[in-house]
Amino acid sequence: MHFCKLSAAVLPMVFAQLVACGITHGGHVADKPNHSHACPALTETALNNATYRIDELGIFRLGNGEYLHPYGEGITQRHKVTLEQAAFGDLDDDGLSDAAVILARQSGGSGTFKYLVAMRNTGNAPRQQGSVLLGDRVQIRALSIAAGVVNVETVTFGPRDPMCCPTQQVKQAYRLHDGKLAQSDHAAADSASNENITHTVIRPKSSISDGSNPLK
């Protein structure tokens, strides 16, 4: 009898909390729940210690913004991934603040490969939803999220540029579609108001090469 009374009192509260975080029976996300206050926003610390996946390395986890994995005995024979930049904003129209990050990968050679990665806010941890290789030794000039669109401005290589010195400026826009990043024709930031463009966190360039001063 006491168990039945306790269940009758507790279960509605549990169900209300699940609905607030966008979870219903069967694990489905409710349609556009208003849970921005019920579920925590993503933080830079969470992104710095999240699990990621890129095709060349598979699944790995950052520790304080960096991943190191030796693959040989040489001092340069190691995979290194650094979280270089991050921007925050809602990517899937669920009312939660998601993130887009730039990962920089080095594997002992002269190349530094930049990836754009979408990280969805699941309510308790960031979860990768898609990634795009932006190129080798490209420079990231700006990263933002506006109206569900990730806008990234890069300086990449023109047909006559040496590998040291890219000069070609490129603006690209991406949306989440079926759990993947798909390129969009128009950058939402061009027409969005300033309050819809979320802030960007930039890791100092000096920390990328030596692993010091990580994004916090």
N, C-alpha and C. Protein backbone atom coordinates (compact mmCIF):
# COMPACT_ATOMS: atom_id res chain seq x y z
N MET A 1 0.82 -1.20 0.00
CA MET A 1 0.00 0.00 0.00
C MET A 1 0.85 1.25 0.00
N HIS A 2 1.90 1.28 0.89
CA HIS A 2 2.78 2.44 0.94
C HIS A 2 3.55 2.58 -0.38
N PHE A 3 3.96 1.46 -1.00
CA PHE A 3 4.68 1.51 -2.27
C PHE A 3 3.82 2.13 -3.36
N CYS A 4 2.53 1.77 -3.39
CA CYS A 4 1.62 2.30 -4.40
C CYS A 4 1.46 3.81 -4.23
N LYS A 5 1.35 4.26 -2.97
CA LYS A 5 1.20 5.69 -2.73
C LYS A 5 2.47 6.43 -3.13
N LEU A 6 3.64 5.84 -2.80
CA LEU A 6 4.90 6.47 -3.16
C LEU A 6 5.07 6.56 -4.67
N SER A 7 4.71 5.48 -5.38
CA SER A 7 4.82 5.48 -6.84
C SER A 7 3.93 6.52 -7.47
N ALA A 8 2.71 6.64 -6.92
CA ALA A 8 1.76 7.60 -7.47
C ALA A 8 2.27 9.03 -7.31
N ALA A 9 3.06 9.26 -6.26
CA ALA A 9 3.57 10.61 -6.03
C ALA A 9 4.84 10.89 -6.80
N VAL A 10 5.71 9.88 -6.96
CA VAL A 10 7.03 10.08 -7.54
C VAL A 10 7.02 9.99 -9.05
N LEU A 11 6.28 9.02 -9.61
CA LEU A 11 6.34 8.79 -11.05
C LEU A 11 5.96 10.02 -11.88
N PRO A 12 4.92 10.77 -11.50
CA PRO A 12 4.64 11.97 -12.31
C PRO A 12 5.79 12.96 -12.33
N MET A 13 6.52 13.09 -11.21
CA MET A 13 7.65 14.01 -11.18
C MET A 13 8.78 13.52 -12.07
N VAL A 14 9.03 12.20 -12.05
CA VAL A 14 10.07 11.63 -12.90
C VAL A 14 9.72 11.82 -14.36
N PHE A 15 8.46 11.57 -14.71
CA PHE A 15 8.04 11.73 -16.10
C PHE A 15 8.16 13.17 -16.55
N ALA A 16 7.80 14.11 -15.66
CA ALA A 16 7.89 15.52 -16.01
C ALA A 16 9.33 15.93 -16.28
N GLN A 17 10.29 15.38 -15.50
CA GLN A 17 11.69 15.69 -15.73
C GLN A 17 12.18 15.14 -17.06
N LEU A 18 11.73 13.92 -17.41
CA LEU A 18 12.13 13.33 -18.69
C LEU A 18 11.60 14.15 -19.85
N VAL A 19 10.35 14.60 -19.73
CA VAL A 19 9.77 15.43 -20.79
C VAL A 19 10.52 16.74 -20.91
N ALA A 20 10.94 17.30 -19.77
CA ALA A 20 11.67 18.56 -19.80
C ALA A 20 12.97 18.44 -20.55
N CYS A 21 13.59 17.26 -20.51
CA CYS A 21 14.85 17.03 -21.22
C CYS A 21 14.61 16.44 -22.60
N GLY A 22 13.37 16.40 -23.05
CA GLY A 22 13.08 15.97 -24.41
C GLY A 22 13.05 14.47 -24.59
N ILE A 23 12.81 13.68 -23.52
CA ILE A 23 12.82 12.23 -23.63
C ILE A 23 11.41 11.72 -23.32
N THR A 24 10.87 10.88 -24.19
CA THR A 24 9.58 10.27 -23.97
C THR A 24 9.73 8.76 -23.99
N HIS A 25 8.67 8.05 -23.91
CA HIS A 25 8.72 6.59 -23.91
C HIS A 25 9.37 6.08 -25.19
N GLY A 26 10.34 5.20 -25.05
CA GLY A 26 11.07 4.68 -26.20
C GLY A 26 12.30 5.49 -26.53
N GLY A 27 12.58 6.55 -25.75
CA GLY A 27 13.81 7.31 -25.95
C GLY A 27 13.72 8.37 -27.03
N HIS A 28 12.51 8.64 -27.54
CA HIS A 28 12.37 9.62 -28.61
C HIS A 28 12.37 11.03 -28.04
N VAL A 29 12.84 11.96 -28.84
CA VAL A 29 12.89 13.35 -28.42
C VAL A 29 11.55 14.01 -28.72
N ALA A 30 11.03 14.72 -27.75
CA ALA A 30 9.77 15.41 -27.95
C ALA A 30 9.93 16.52 -28.96
N ASP A 31 8.83 16.91 -29.61
CA ASP A 31 8.87 17.95 -30.62
C ASP A 31 9.08 19.31 -29.98
N LYS A 32 10.24 19.93 -30.28
CA LYS A 32 10.57 21.28 -29.85
C LYS A 32 10.25 21.54 -28.38
N PRO A 33 10.78 20.76 -27.44
CA PRO A 33 10.50 20.99 -26.04
C PRO A 33 11.15 22.28 -25.55
N ASN A 34 10.51 22.92 -24.59
CA ASN A 34 11.06 24.12 -23.99
C ASN A 34 11.85 23.73 -22.75
N HIS A 35 13.10 23.31 -22.95
CA HIS A 35 13.87 22.79 -21.84
C HIS A 35 15.21 23.50 -21.70
N SER A 36 15.29 24.72 -22.18
CA SER A 36 16.55 25.42 -22.10
C SER A 36 16.97 25.68 -20.66
N HIS A 37 15.98 25.72 -19.74
CA HIS A 37 16.31 25.95 -18.34
C HIS A 37 16.45 24.64 -17.58
N ALA A 38 15.85 23.56 -18.07
CA ALA A 38 15.87 22.30 -17.34
C ALA A 38 17.15 21.52 -17.56
N CYS A 39 17.73 21.60 -18.76
CA CYS A 39 18.93 20.83 -19.09
C CYS A 39 20.13 21.77 -19.22
N PRO A 40 21.29 21.33 -18.76
CA PRO A 40 22.47 22.22 -18.76
C PRO A 40 22.97 22.51 -20.17
N ALA A 41 23.53 23.70 -20.34
CA ALA A 41 24.14 24.07 -21.60
C ALA A 41 25.51 23.42 -21.72
N LEU A 42 25.98 23.24 -22.95
CA LEU A 42 27.32 22.72 -23.14
C LEU A 42 28.35 23.74 -22.64
N THR A 43 29.45 23.24 -22.15
CA THR A 43 30.51 24.10 -21.66
C THR A 43 31.80 23.81 -22.43
N GLU A 44 32.73 24.73 -22.34
CA GLU A 44 34.03 24.53 -22.97
C GLU A 44 34.77 23.35 -22.33
N THR A 45 34.58 23.20 -21.01
CA THR A 45 35.22 22.07 -20.32
C THR A 45 34.69 20.74 -20.85
N ALA A 46 33.38 20.66 -21.07
CA ALA A 46 32.80 19.42 -21.60
C ALA A 46 33.34 19.10 -22.99
N LEU A 47 33.48 20.11 -23.84
CA LEU A 47 34.01 19.89 -25.18
C LEU A 47 35.48 19.49 -25.13
N ASN A 48 36.21 20.07 -24.18
CA ASN A 48 37.63 19.75 -24.03
C ASN A 48 37.88 18.31 -23.59
N ASN A 49 36.85 17.66 -23.06
CA ASN A 49 37.01 16.31 -22.55
C ASN A 49 36.00 15.34 -23.16
N ALA A 50 35.49 15.69 -24.33
CA ALA A 50 34.47 14.87 -24.99
C ALA A 50 35.11 13.80 -25.87
N THR A 51 34.26 12.87 -26.32
CA THR A 51 34.67 11.82 -27.25
C THR A 51 34.34 12.25 -28.67
N TYR A 52 35.29 12.03 -29.58
CA TYR A 52 35.14 12.43 -30.97
C TYR A 52 35.48 11.26 -31.89
N ARG A 53 35.16 11.44 -33.16
CA ARG A 53 35.53 10.44 -34.16
C ARG A 53 35.86 11.14 -35.48
N ILE A 54 37.01 10.82 -36.04
CA ILE A 54 37.35 11.22 -37.39
C ILE A 54 37.87 9.99 -38.12
N ASP A 55 37.67 9.94 -39.42
CA ASP A 55 37.92 8.71 -40.18
C ASP A 55 39.36 8.23 -40.04
N GLU A 56 40.32 9.15 -40.00
CA GLU A 56 41.72 8.76 -40.00
C GLU A 56 42.17 8.15 -38.67
N LEU A 57 41.47 8.44 -37.58
CA LEU A 57 41.87 7.95 -36.26
C LEU A 57 40.85 7.04 -35.60
N GLY A 58 39.61 7.11 -36.02
CA GLY A 58 38.56 6.39 -35.33
C GLY A 58 38.08 7.18 -34.13
N ILE A 59 37.67 6.48 -33.08
CA ILE A 59 37.12 7.12 -31.89
C ILE A 59 38.24 7.42 -30.90
N PHE A 60 38.21 8.61 -30.33
CA PHE A 60 39.20 9.00 -29.34
C PHE A 60 38.56 10.03 -28.40
N ARG A 61 39.20 10.22 -27.27
CA ARG A 61 38.69 11.18 -26.29
C ARG A 61 39.76 12.21 -25.96
N LEU A 62 39.35 13.47 -25.98
CA LEU A 62 40.26 14.53 -25.60
C LEU A 62 40.42 14.58 -24.09
N GLY A 63 41.60 14.99 -23.65
CA GLY A 63 41.85 15.26 -22.26
C GLY A 63 42.37 16.68 -22.13
N ASN A 64 41.57 17.55 -21.53
CA ASN A 64 41.94 18.97 -21.40
C ASN A 64 42.26 19.58 -22.77
N GLY A 65 41.47 19.21 -23.76
CA GLY A 65 41.59 19.83 -25.08
C GLY A 65 42.59 19.20 -26.01
N GLU A 66 43.14 18.01 -25.65
CA GLU A 66 44.19 17.43 -26.48
C GLU A 66 44.15 15.90 -26.42
N TYR A 67 44.55 15.29 -27.53
CA TYR A 67 44.68 13.84 -27.62
C TYR A 67 46.04 13.52 -28.21
N LEU A 68 46.81 12.64 -27.55
CA LEU A 68 48.12 12.21 -28.03
C LEU A 68 48.16 10.69 -28.05
N HIS A 69 48.66 10.13 -29.17
CA HIS A 69 48.75 8.67 -29.28
C HIS A 69 49.97 8.30 -30.12
N PRO A 70 51.04 7.75 -29.50
CA PRO A 70 52.21 7.33 -30.28
C PRO A 70 51.88 6.12 -31.16
N TYR A 71 52.45 6.10 -32.37
CA TYR A 71 52.27 4.95 -33.25
C TYR A 71 53.61 4.37 -33.70
N GLY A 72 54.71 4.85 -33.11
CA GLY A 72 56.05 4.35 -33.41
C GLY A 72 57.01 4.83 -32.36
N GLU A 73 58.29 4.51 -32.54
CA GLU A 73 59.30 4.86 -31.55
C GLU A 73 59.89 6.25 -31.77
N GLY A 74 59.72 6.81 -32.95
CA GLY A 74 60.27 8.13 -33.23
C GLY A 74 59.55 9.22 -32.46
N ILE A 75 60.27 10.30 -32.16
CA ILE A 75 59.70 11.36 -31.35
C ILE A 75 58.53 12.06 -32.05
N THR A 76 58.53 12.04 -33.37
CA THR A 76 57.44 12.67 -34.12
C THR A 76 56.36 11.67 -34.53
N GLN A 77 56.54 10.41 -34.22
CA GLN A 77 55.58 9.38 -34.62
C GLN A 77 54.44 9.30 -33.60
N ARG A 78 53.56 10.24 -33.71
CA ARG A 78 52.42 10.28 -32.81
C ARG A 78 51.27 11.03 -33.48
N HIS A 79 50.08 10.61 -33.15
CA HIS A 79 48.89 11.34 -33.56
C HIS A 79 48.58 12.37 -32.49
N LYS A 80 48.30 13.58 -32.93
CA LYS A 80 47.95 14.64 -32.00
C LYS A 80 46.73 15.38 -32.52
N VAL A 81 45.73 15.51 -31.66
CA VAL A 81 44.51 16.25 -32.01
C VAL A 81 44.31 17.33 -30.95
N THR A 82 44.04 18.54 -31.41
CA THR A 82 43.85 19.68 -30.53
C THR A 82 42.52 20.35 -30.84
N LEU A 83 41.78 20.68 -29.79
CA LEU A 83 40.58 21.49 -29.98
C LEU A 83 41.02 22.93 -30.13
N GLU A 84 40.77 23.48 -31.31
CA GLU A 84 41.31 24.80 -31.66
C GLU A 84 40.33 25.93 -31.45
N GLN A 85 39.07 25.72 -31.83
CA GLN A 85 38.04 26.74 -31.67
C GLN A 85 36.71 26.08 -31.37
N ALA A 86 35.79 26.86 -30.78
CA ALA A 86 34.44 26.36 -30.51
C ALA A 86 33.45 27.51 -30.60
N ALA A 87 32.25 27.21 -31.09
CA ALA A 87 31.15 28.17 -31.11
C ALA A 87 29.91 27.47 -30.59
N PHE A 88 29.00 28.21 -29.98
CA PHE A 88 27.83 27.62 -29.35
C PHE A 88 26.55 28.17 -29.96
N GLY A 89 25.53 27.31 -30.07
CA GLY A 89 24.23 27.70 -30.59
C GLY A 89 23.39 26.47 -30.86
N ASP A 90 22.09 26.65 -31.06
CA ASP A 90 21.17 25.54 -31.29
C ASP A 90 21.28 25.07 -32.74
N LEU A 91 21.67 23.80 -32.93
CA LEU A 91 21.85 23.25 -34.27
C LEU A 91 20.66 22.43 -34.76
N ASP A 92 19.82 21.94 -33.83
CA ASP A 92 18.75 21.02 -34.23
C ASP A 92 17.37 21.47 -33.79
N ASP A 93 17.24 22.73 -33.42
CA ASP A 93 15.93 23.33 -33.12
C ASP A 93 15.22 22.62 -31.97
N ASP A 94 16.01 22.19 -30.97
CA ASP A 94 15.39 21.55 -29.80
C ASP A 94 15.44 22.43 -28.57
N GLY A 95 15.92 23.67 -28.72
CA GLY A 95 15.95 24.59 -27.60
C GLY A 95 17.20 24.51 -26.76
N LEU A 96 18.10 23.60 -27.06
CA LEU A 96 19.34 23.45 -26.31
C LEU A 96 20.51 24.05 -27.09
N SER A 97 21.49 24.56 -26.36
CA SER A 97 22.69 25.11 -26.98
C SER A 97 23.65 23.99 -27.33
N ASP A 98 23.88 23.79 -28.62
CA ASP A 98 24.84 22.80 -29.12
C ASP A 98 26.17 23.50 -29.39
N ALA A 99 27.06 22.84 -30.12
CA ALA A 99 28.36 23.46 -30.39
C ALA A 99 28.91 22.99 -31.73
N ALA A 100 29.76 23.81 -32.30
CA ALA A 100 30.58 23.44 -33.45
C ALA A 100 32.03 23.69 -33.05
N VAL A 101 32.89 22.74 -33.31
CA VAL A 101 34.29 22.87 -32.91
C VAL A 101 35.21 22.65 -34.10
N ILE A 102 36.39 23.21 -34.01
CA ILE A 102 37.45 22.97 -34.97
C ILE A 102 38.50 22.10 -34.29
N LEU A 103 38.77 20.93 -34.87
CA LEU A 103 39.83 20.06 -34.42
C LEU A 103 41.00 20.14 -35.39
N ALA A 104 42.21 20.19 -34.86
CA ALA A 104 43.43 20.20 -35.67
C ALA A 104 44.18 18.90 -35.43
N ARG A 105 44.45 18.14 -36.51
CA ARG A 105 45.13 16.84 -36.39
C ARG A 105 46.51 16.91 -37.03
N GLN A 106 47.51 16.43 -36.29
CA GLN A 106 48.87 16.27 -36.80
C GLN A 106 49.30 14.82 -36.58
N SER A 107 50.05 14.27 -37.52
CA SER A 107 50.48 12.87 -37.41
C SER A 107 51.96 12.71 -37.71
N GLY A 108 52.77 13.70 -37.36
CA GLY A 108 54.20 13.58 -37.49
C GLY A 108 54.79 14.21 -38.73
N GLY A 109 53.98 14.48 -39.74
CA GLY A 109 54.46 15.12 -40.95
C GLY A 109 54.30 16.62 -40.88
N SER A 110 54.33 17.26 -42.03
CA SER A 110 54.22 18.71 -42.08
C SER A 110 52.77 19.18 -42.10
N GLY A 111 51.83 18.27 -42.32
CA GLY A 111 50.43 18.66 -42.45
C GLY A 111 49.75 18.88 -41.11
N THR A 112 48.80 19.82 -41.12
CA THR A 112 47.89 20.03 -39.99
C THR A 112 46.48 20.08 -40.57
N PHE A 113 45.72 19.04 -40.32
CA PHE A 113 44.41 18.89 -40.96
C PHE A 113 43.33 19.43 -40.03
N LYS A 114 42.48 20.29 -40.57
CA LYS A 114 41.43 20.94 -39.78
C LYS A 114 40.07 20.29 -40.08
N TYR A 115 39.32 20.02 -39.03
CA TYR A 115 38.00 19.40 -39.13
C TYR A 115 36.97 20.27 -38.45
N LEU A 116 35.81 20.40 -39.07
CA LEU A 116 34.65 21.01 -38.45
C LEU A 116 33.77 19.89 -37.91
N VAL A 117 33.45 19.96 -36.62
CA VAL A 117 32.70 18.89 -35.96
C VAL A 117 31.48 19.49 -35.26
N ALA A 118 30.32 18.90 -35.49
CA ALA A 118 29.09 19.31 -34.80
C ALA A 118 28.91 18.46 -33.55
N MET A 119 28.67 19.12 -32.42
CA MET A 119 28.47 18.43 -31.14
C MET A 119 27.08 18.79 -30.61
N ARG A 120 26.24 17.78 -30.49
CA ARG A 120 24.86 17.98 -30.03
C ARG A 120 24.78 17.87 -28.52
N ASN A 121 23.98 18.73 -27.93
CA ASN A 121 23.72 18.68 -26.49
C ASN A 121 22.64 17.65 -26.21
N THR A 122 23.01 16.54 -25.56
CA THR A 122 22.05 15.48 -25.25
C THR A 122 21.39 15.68 -23.89
N GLY A 123 21.72 16.76 -23.20
CA GLY A 123 21.15 17.01 -21.90
C GLY A 123 22.11 16.75 -20.77
N ASN A 124 23.09 15.87 -21.01
CA ASN A 124 24.09 15.61 -19.96
C ASN A 124 25.51 15.52 -20.49
N ALA A 125 25.69 15.49 -21.80
CA ALA A 125 27.04 15.41 -22.37
C ALA A 125 26.97 15.73 -23.86
N PRO A 126 28.07 16.26 -24.42
CA PRO A 126 28.09 16.50 -25.87
C PRO A 126 28.26 15.20 -26.64
N ARG A 127 27.58 15.09 -27.77
CA ARG A 127 27.67 13.89 -28.61
C ARG A 127 27.87 14.32 -30.05
N GLN A 128 28.90 13.77 -30.69
CA GLN A 128 29.21 14.15 -32.07
C GLN A 128 28.10 13.71 -33.01
N GLN A 129 27.76 14.63 -33.95
CA GLN A 129 26.73 14.36 -34.94
C GLN A 129 27.26 14.35 -36.36
N GLY A 130 28.43 14.84 -36.60
CA GLY A 130 28.97 14.85 -37.95
C GLY A 130 30.28 15.62 -37.97
N SER A 131 31.08 15.37 -39.00
CA SER A 131 32.35 16.08 -39.14
C SER A 131 32.66 16.28 -40.62
N VAL A 132 33.42 17.33 -40.91
CA VAL A 132 33.82 17.66 -42.26
C VAL A 132 35.30 18.03 -42.24
N LEU A 133 36.07 17.46 -43.15
CA LEU A 133 37.47 17.84 -43.30
C LEU A 133 37.53 19.14 -44.09
N LEU A 134 38.06 20.20 -43.46
CA LEU A 134 38.16 21.49 -44.12
C LEU A 134 39.41 21.61 -44.97
N GLY A 135 40.45 20.84 -44.63
CA GLY A 135 41.65 20.85 -45.45
C GLY A 135 42.92 20.83 -44.63
N ASP A 136 44.04 20.78 -45.34
CA ASP A 136 45.36 20.75 -44.73
C ASP A 136 45.93 22.16 -44.64
N ARG A 137 46.32 22.56 -43.45
CA ARG A 137 46.95 23.85 -43.19
C ARG A 137 46.09 25.05 -43.58
N VAL A 138 44.78 24.86 -43.58
CA VAL A 138 43.90 26.01 -43.79
C VAL A 138 43.86 26.83 -42.52
N GLN A 139 43.61 28.11 -42.66
CA GLN A 139 43.50 29.01 -41.53
C GLN A 139 42.03 29.30 -41.25
N ILE A 140 41.64 29.22 -39.99
CA ILE A 140 40.25 29.47 -39.60
C ILE A 140 40.15 30.93 -39.16
N ARG A 141 39.41 31.72 -39.89
CA ARG A 141 39.27 33.14 -39.57
C ARG A 141 38.08 33.41 -38.66
N ALA A 142 36.99 32.66 -38.83
CA ALA A 142 35.80 32.91 -38.01
C ALA A 142 34.96 31.64 -37.96
N LEU A 143 34.29 31.44 -36.84
CA LEU A 143 33.39 30.30 -36.64
C LEU A 143 32.22 30.80 -35.81
N SER A 144 30.99 30.54 -36.29
CA SER A 144 29.81 30.99 -35.55
C SER A 144 28.63 30.09 -35.89
N ILE A 145 27.59 30.18 -35.05
CA ILE A 145 26.33 29.48 -35.28
C ILE A 145 25.22 30.51 -35.27
N ALA A 146 24.39 30.52 -36.30
CA ALA A 146 23.27 31.44 -36.38
C ALA A 146 22.10 30.74 -37.05
N ALA A 147 20.93 30.78 -36.38
CA ALA A 147 19.70 30.20 -36.95
C ALA A 147 19.90 28.75 -37.39
N GLY A 148 20.64 27.99 -36.59
CA GLY A 148 20.85 26.58 -36.89
C GLY A 148 21.91 26.29 -37.92
N VAL A 149 22.61 27.31 -38.40
CA VAL A 149 23.62 27.14 -39.43
C VAL A 149 25.00 27.42 -38.85
N VAL A 150 25.95 26.54 -39.16
CA VAL A 150 27.34 26.76 -38.78
C VAL A 150 28.02 27.51 -39.91
N ASN A 151 28.56 28.67 -39.59
CA ASN A 151 29.27 29.48 -40.57
C ASN A 151 30.76 29.46 -40.26
N VAL A 152 31.56 29.13 -41.24
CA VAL A 152 33.01 29.06 -41.04
C VAL A 152 33.70 29.81 -42.17
N GLU A 153 34.61 30.69 -41.81
CA GLU A 153 35.40 31.44 -42.78
C GLU A 153 36.84 30.95 -42.70
N THR A 154 37.39 30.57 -43.84
CA THR A 154 38.74 30.02 -43.87
C THR A 154 39.59 30.75 -44.91
N VAL A 155 40.89 30.61 -44.75
CA VAL A 155 41.84 31.01 -45.80
C VAL A 155 42.50 29.73 -46.26
N THR A 156 42.27 29.37 -47.50
CA THR A 156 42.79 28.12 -48.04
C THR A 156 43.70 28.42 -49.23
N PHE A 157 44.08 27.37 -49.93
CA PHE A 157 45.12 27.51 -50.95
C PHE A 157 44.53 27.74 -52.34
N GLY A 158 45.00 28.79 -52.97
CA GLY A 158 44.68 29.02 -54.36
C GLY A 158 45.55 28.15 -55.24
N PRO A 159 45.29 28.13 -56.55
CA PRO A 159 46.02 27.24 -57.46
C PRO A 159 47.53 27.51 -57.52
N ARG A 160 47.97 28.71 -57.18
CA ARG A 160 49.40 29.03 -57.26
C ARG A 160 50.03 29.27 -55.88
N ASP A 161 49.28 29.03 -54.82
CA ASP A 161 49.81 29.28 -53.47
C ASP A 161 50.77 28.18 -53.04
N PRO A 162 51.92 28.53 -52.44
CA PRO A 162 52.77 27.51 -51.82
C PRO A 162 52.09 26.98 -50.56
N MET A 163 52.52 25.78 -50.11
CA MET A 163 51.85 25.14 -48.98
C MET A 163 52.07 25.90 -47.67
N CYS A 164 52.97 26.84 -47.67
CA CYS A 164 53.18 27.63 -46.45
C CYS A 164 52.19 28.77 -46.31
N CYS A 165 51.64 29.20 -47.44
CA CYS A 165 51.00 30.52 -47.44
C CYS A 165 49.69 30.55 -48.21
N PRO A 166 48.58 30.11 -47.61
CA PRO A 166 47.29 30.18 -48.29
C PRO A 166 46.81 31.62 -48.39
N THR A 167 46.11 31.94 -49.47
CA THR A 167 45.62 33.31 -49.67
C THR A 167 44.15 33.38 -50.06
N GLN A 168 43.53 32.25 -50.40
CA GLN A 168 42.16 32.26 -50.92
C GLN A 168 41.16 32.22 -49.78
N GLN A 169 40.33 33.27 -49.67
CA GLN A 169 39.33 33.35 -48.60
C GLN A 169 38.05 32.65 -49.04
N VAL A 170 37.53 31.82 -48.13
CA VAL A 170 36.34 31.02 -48.43
C VAL A 170 35.36 31.12 -47.27
N LYS A 171 34.08 31.31 -47.59
CA LYS A 171 33.01 31.26 -46.60
C LYS A 171 32.13 30.04 -46.89
N GLN A 172 31.90 29.24 -45.85
CA GLN A 172 31.07 28.05 -46.00
C GLN A 172 30.03 28.01 -44.90
N ALA A 173 28.90 27.37 -45.19
CA ALA A 173 27.83 27.21 -44.23
C ALA A 173 27.37 25.75 -44.23
N TYR A 174 27.08 25.23 -43.03
CA TYR A 174 26.68 23.83 -42.88
C TYR A 174 25.47 23.73 -41.96
N ARG A 175 24.62 22.75 -42.26
CA ARG A 175 23.48 22.41 -41.40
C ARG A 175 23.54 20.93 -41.03
N LEU A 176 22.95 20.59 -39.90
CA LEU A 176 22.78 19.19 -39.55
C LEU A 176 21.62 18.61 -40.34
N HIS A 177 21.86 17.49 -41.01
CA HIS A 177 20.81 16.80 -41.76
C HIS A 177 21.00 15.31 -41.58
N ASP A 178 20.02 14.67 -40.95
CA ASP A 178 20.08 13.23 -40.67
C ASP A 178 21.36 12.85 -39.92
N GLY A 179 21.72 13.69 -38.94
CA GLY A 179 22.88 13.39 -38.12
C GLY A 179 24.22 13.67 -38.75
N LYS A 180 24.23 14.34 -39.91
CA LYS A 180 25.48 14.65 -40.59
C LYS A 180 25.51 16.13 -40.95
N LEU A 181 26.71 16.67 -41.11
CA LEU A 181 26.86 18.04 -41.55
C LEU A 181 26.74 18.09 -43.07
N ALA A 182 25.81 18.88 -43.55
CA ALA A 182 25.61 19.05 -44.98
C ALA A 182 25.83 20.51 -45.33
N GLN A 183 26.52 20.77 -46.43
CA GLN A 183 26.82 22.14 -46.82
C GLN A 183 25.55 22.85 -47.27
N SER A 184 25.40 24.09 -46.83
CA SER A 184 24.25 24.91 -47.16
C SER A 184 24.66 25.96 -48.19
N ASP A 185 23.67 26.43 -48.96
CA ASP A 185 23.97 27.39 -50.01
C ASP A 185 24.17 28.80 -49.49
N HIS A 186 23.55 29.10 -48.34
CA HIS A 186 23.60 30.47 -47.84
C HIS A 186 24.03 30.48 -46.38
N ALA A 187 24.85 31.45 -46.04
CA ALA A 187 25.30 31.61 -44.66
C ALA A 187 24.25 32.38 -43.88
N ALA A 188 23.75 31.78 -42.81
CA ALA A 188 22.70 32.43 -42.03
C ALA A 188 23.21 33.68 -41.35
N ALA A 189 24.50 33.75 -41.07
CA ALA A 189 25.04 34.91 -40.35
C ALA A 189 24.91 36.19 -41.16
N ASP A 190 24.79 36.09 -42.49
CA ASP A 190 24.70 37.28 -43.31
C ASP A 190 23.40 38.04 -43.07
N SER A 191 22.34 37.31 -42.67
CA SER A 191 21.05 37.96 -42.49
C SER A 191 20.55 37.90 -41.06
N ALA A 192 21.24 37.18 -40.18
CA ALA A 192 20.78 37.04 -38.81
C ALA A 192 21.15 38.27 -37.99
N SER A 193 20.37 38.51 -36.95
CA SER A 193 20.69 39.61 -36.05
C SER A 193 21.85 39.23 -35.16
N ASN A 194 22.51 40.21 -34.57
CA ASN A 194 23.70 39.96 -33.78
C ASN A 194 23.43 39.05 -32.60
N GLU A 195 22.25 39.17 -31.99
CA GLU A 195 21.98 38.36 -30.81
C GLU A 195 21.80 36.88 -31.16
N ASN A 196 21.59 36.55 -32.40
CA ASN A 196 21.45 35.16 -32.81
C ASN A 196 22.80 34.51 -33.13
N ILE A 197 23.86 35.29 -33.21
CA ILE A 197 25.18 34.76 -33.50
C ILE A 197 25.90 34.55 -32.18
N THR A 198 26.20 33.29 -31.88
CA THR A 198 26.77 32.96 -30.59
C THR A 198 28.25 33.26 -30.54
N HIS A 199 28.78 33.32 -29.30
CA HIS A 199 30.19 33.67 -29.14
C HIS A 199 31.09 32.52 -29.55
N THR A 200 32.30 32.87 -29.89
CA THR A 200 33.31 31.90 -30.32
C THR A 200 34.47 31.92 -29.33
N VAL A 201 34.94 30.73 -29.00
CA VAL A 201 36.12 30.59 -28.14
C VAL A 201 37.28 30.19 -29.02
N ILE A 202 38.38 30.92 -28.94
CA ILE A 202 39.55 30.65 -29.77
C ILE A 202 40.72 30.27 -28.89
N ARG A 203 41.32 29.14 -29.19
CA ARG A 203 42.50 28.72 -28.46
C ARG A 203 43.72 29.43 -29.03
N PRO A 204 44.59 29.98 -28.17
CA PRO A 204 45.76 30.70 -28.67
C PRO A 204 46.61 29.83 -29.57
N LYS A 205 47.15 30.42 -30.67
CA LYS A 205 47.94 29.65 -31.62
C LYS A 205 49.18 29.05 -30.98
N SER A 206 49.75 29.73 -29.98
CA SER A 206 50.96 29.24 -29.36
C SER A 206 50.77 27.93 -28.64
N SER A 207 49.50 27.63 -28.28
CA SER A 207 49.23 26.40 -27.54
C SER A 207 49.02 25.21 -28.45
N ILE A 208 48.82 25.46 -29.76
CA ILE A 208 48.50 24.36 -30.66
C ILE A 208 49.70 23.45 -30.88
N SER A 209 50.88 24.01 -30.91
CA SER A 209 52.06 23.23 -31.24
C SER A 209 52.65 22.52 -30.03
N ASP A 210 52.53 23.12 -28.82
CA ASP A 210 53.19 22.52 -27.68
C ASP A 210 52.26 21.94 -26.65
N GLY A 211 50.95 22.10 -26.85
CA GLY A 211 49.97 21.51 -25.94
C GLY A 211 49.73 22.31 -24.68
N SER A 212 50.32 23.47 -24.53
CA SER A 212 50.13 24.27 -23.34
C SER A 212 48.91 25.16 -23.48
N ASN A 213 48.48 25.72 -22.34
CA ASN A 213 47.40 26.70 -22.32
C ASN A 213 46.17 26.24 -23.07
N PRO A 214 45.57 25.09 -22.72
CA PRO A 214 44.42 24.58 -23.44
C PRO A 214 43.17 25.42 -23.21
N LEU A 215 42.23 25.24 -24.09
CA LEU A 215 40.94 25.91 -23.96
C LEU A 215 40.30 25.45 -22.68
N LYS A 216 39.86 26.35 -21.82
CA LYS A 216 39.29 25.99 -20.52
C LYS A 216 37.90 26.57 -20.39
